[in-house]
Amino acid sequence: MDLDYELTILADACADSDPEVHRVLLGKVFPRQASVLDTDAWVQSLRNRPSSSA
């Protein structure tokens, strides 16, 4: 985030041992710094990206 990278958190591919901490991080903390998506939405976003040519 500090280097202006576009961060994505995969909500269904991470966990915290405390379910309440997990809920707060994914619902309140992470969305301020990154996109929070599930893996299906993330894969779909990759498919919808224009291909880059070098």
N, C-alpha and C. Protein backbone atom coordinates (compact mmCIF):
# COMPACT_ATOMS: atom_id res chain seq x y z
N MET A 1 0.82 -1.18 0.00
CA MET A 1 0.00 0.00 0.00
C MET A 1 0.87 1.25 0.00
N ASP A 2 1.90 1.27 0.78
CA ASP A 2 2.75 2.45 0.87
C ASP A 2 3.46 2.76 -0.44
N LEU A 3 3.63 1.76 -1.28
CA LEU A 3 4.28 1.96 -2.57
C LEU A 3 3.28 2.11 -3.71
N ASP A 4 2.02 2.35 -3.37
CA ASP A 4 0.94 2.54 -4.34
C ASP A 4 0.61 1.29 -5.16
N TYR A 5 0.89 0.12 -4.60
CA TYR A 5 0.44 -1.10 -5.23
C TYR A 5 -1.06 -1.22 -5.02
N GLU A 6 -1.75 -1.84 -5.96
CA GLU A 6 -3.17 -2.13 -5.79
C GLU A 6 -3.27 -3.48 -5.09
N LEU A 7 -3.64 -3.46 -3.83
CA LEU A 7 -3.70 -4.69 -3.03
C LEU A 7 -5.08 -5.32 -3.11
N THR A 8 -5.08 -6.65 -3.10
CA THR A 8 -6.33 -7.40 -3.04
C THR A 8 -6.21 -8.43 -1.93
N ILE A 9 -7.18 -8.46 -1.05
CA ILE A 9 -7.26 -9.46 0.01
C ILE A 9 -8.31 -10.48 -0.42
N LEU A 10 -7.94 -11.74 -0.44
CA LEU A 10 -8.89 -12.80 -0.79
C LEU A 10 -9.54 -13.31 0.49
N ALA A 11 -10.76 -12.86 0.70
CA ALA A 11 -11.45 -13.07 1.98
C ALA A 11 -11.64 -14.54 2.32
N ASP A 12 -11.86 -15.37 1.32
CA ASP A 12 -12.09 -16.79 1.61
C ASP A 12 -10.80 -17.61 1.49
N ALA A 13 -9.66 -16.93 1.41
CA ALA A 13 -8.38 -17.63 1.34
C ALA A 13 -7.45 -17.21 2.49
N CYS A 14 -8.02 -16.58 3.50
CA CYS A 14 -7.25 -16.21 4.67
C CYS A 14 -8.13 -16.39 5.91
N ALA A 15 -7.49 -16.42 7.06
CA ALA A 15 -8.25 -16.64 8.29
C ALA A 15 -7.49 -16.09 9.48
N ASP A 16 -8.20 -15.90 10.56
CA ASP A 16 -7.61 -15.57 11.85
C ASP A 16 -8.15 -16.59 12.83
N SER A 17 -7.38 -16.92 13.81
CA SER A 17 -7.84 -17.92 14.79
C SER A 17 -9.03 -17.41 15.61
N ASP A 18 -9.20 -16.10 15.66
CA ASP A 18 -10.34 -15.50 16.36
C ASP A 18 -11.34 -15.00 15.31
N PRO A 19 -12.51 -15.62 15.20
CA PRO A 19 -13.48 -15.24 14.17
C PRO A 19 -13.88 -13.76 14.22
N GLU A 20 -13.93 -13.18 15.40
CA GLU A 20 -14.31 -11.77 15.52
C GLU A 20 -13.22 -10.87 14.94
N VAL A 21 -11.97 -11.18 15.21
CA VAL A 21 -10.86 -10.42 14.63
C VAL A 21 -10.90 -10.53 13.12
N HIS A 22 -11.13 -11.72 12.61
CA HIS A 22 -11.24 -11.95 11.17
C HIS A 22 -12.34 -11.08 10.57
N ARG A 23 -13.50 -11.06 11.20
CA ARG A 23 -14.63 -10.27 10.72
C ARG A 23 -14.29 -8.78 10.68
N VAL A 24 -13.68 -8.28 11.74
CA VAL A 24 -13.35 -6.85 11.81
C VAL A 24 -12.28 -6.50 10.78
N LEU A 25 -11.26 -7.33 10.65
CA LEU A 25 -10.22 -7.05 9.67
C LEU A 25 -10.79 -7.00 8.25
N LEU A 26 -11.58 -8.00 7.88
CA LEU A 26 -12.11 -8.06 6.52
C LEU A 26 -13.22 -7.03 6.27
N GLY A 27 -13.94 -6.68 7.30
CA GLY A 27 -15.06 -5.77 7.12
C GLY A 27 -14.75 -4.30 7.33
N LYS A 28 -13.73 -4.00 8.13
CA LYS A 28 -13.46 -2.60 8.46
C LYS A 28 -12.04 -2.14 8.18
N VAL A 29 -11.06 -2.96 8.51
CA VAL A 29 -9.67 -2.52 8.40
C VAL A 29 -9.14 -2.66 6.97
N PHE A 30 -9.19 -3.86 6.43
CA PHE A 30 -8.62 -4.09 5.11
C PHE A 30 -9.27 -3.28 3.99
N PRO A 31 -10.60 -3.07 4.00
CA PRO A 31 -11.20 -2.30 2.90
C PRO A 31 -10.67 -0.86 2.80
N ARG A 32 -10.09 -0.34 3.85
CA ARG A 32 -9.50 1.01 3.80
C ARG A 32 -8.19 1.02 3.02
N GLN A 33 -7.58 -0.16 2.88
CA GLN A 33 -6.25 -0.25 2.28
C GLN A 33 -6.21 -1.10 1.03
N ALA A 34 -7.23 -1.88 0.78
CA ALA A 34 -7.18 -2.85 -0.31
C ALA A 34 -8.58 -3.22 -0.77
N SER A 35 -8.65 -3.88 -1.90
CA SER A 35 -9.91 -4.48 -2.34
C SER A 35 -10.06 -5.81 -1.60
N VAL A 36 -11.23 -6.07 -1.09
CA VAL A 36 -11.50 -7.35 -0.41
C VAL A 36 -12.48 -8.11 -1.29
N LEU A 37 -12.01 -9.22 -1.85
CA LEU A 37 -12.82 -10.03 -2.76
C LEU A 37 -12.77 -11.48 -2.33
N ASP A 38 -13.75 -12.28 -2.78
CA ASP A 38 -13.60 -13.72 -2.62
C ASP A 38 -12.84 -14.23 -3.84
N THR A 39 -12.40 -15.47 -3.81
CA THR A 39 -11.56 -15.97 -4.88
C THR A 39 -12.28 -16.01 -6.22
N ASP A 40 -13.57 -16.31 -6.23
CA ASP A 40 -14.32 -16.33 -7.50
C ASP A 40 -14.35 -14.94 -8.14
N ALA A 41 -14.60 -13.91 -7.35
CA ALA A 41 -14.63 -12.54 -7.89
C ALA A 41 -13.25 -12.12 -8.37
N TRP A 42 -12.21 -12.55 -7.66
CA TRP A 42 -10.84 -12.21 -8.06
C TRP A 42 -10.48 -12.86 -9.39
N VAL A 43 -10.80 -14.15 -9.54
CA VAL A 43 -10.53 -14.84 -10.80
C VAL A 43 -11.28 -14.16 -11.93
N GLN A 44 -12.53 -13.82 -11.70
CA GLN A 44 -13.32 -13.13 -12.72
C GLN A 44 -12.68 -11.78 -13.09
N SER A 45 -12.16 -11.07 -12.10
CA SER A 45 -11.52 -9.78 -12.39
C SER A 45 -10.27 -9.97 -13.24
N LEU A 46 -9.56 -11.07 -13.06
CA LEU A 46 -8.39 -11.35 -13.89
C LEU A 46 -8.79 -11.65 -15.32
N ARG A 47 -9.89 -12.35 -15.47
CA ARG A 47 -10.38 -12.69 -16.83
C ARG A 47 -10.85 -11.44 -17.57
N ASN A 48 -11.33 -10.44 -16.84
CA ASN A 48 -11.88 -9.24 -17.46
C ASN A 48 -10.83 -8.17 -17.73
N ARG A 49 -9.61 -8.40 -17.27
CA ARG A 49 -8.54 -7.41 -17.51
C ARG A 49 -8.11 -7.44 -18.96
N PRO A 50 -7.86 -6.28 -19.51
CA PRO A 50 -7.31 -6.27 -20.87
C PRO A 50 -5.90 -6.87 -20.85
N SER A 51 -5.59 -7.64 -21.87
CA SER A 51 -4.24 -8.22 -21.91
C SER A 51 -3.24 -7.14 -22.27
N SER A 52 -2.08 -7.25 -21.69
CA SER A 52 -1.03 -6.25 -21.97
C SER A 52 -0.10 -6.82 -23.02
N SER A 53 0.28 -5.98 -23.96
CA SER A 53 1.24 -6.42 -24.97
C SER A 53 2.57 -5.73 -24.72
N ALA A 54 3.61 -6.49 -24.86
CA ALA A 54 4.95 -5.96 -24.59
C ALA A 54 5.64 -5.55 -25.87
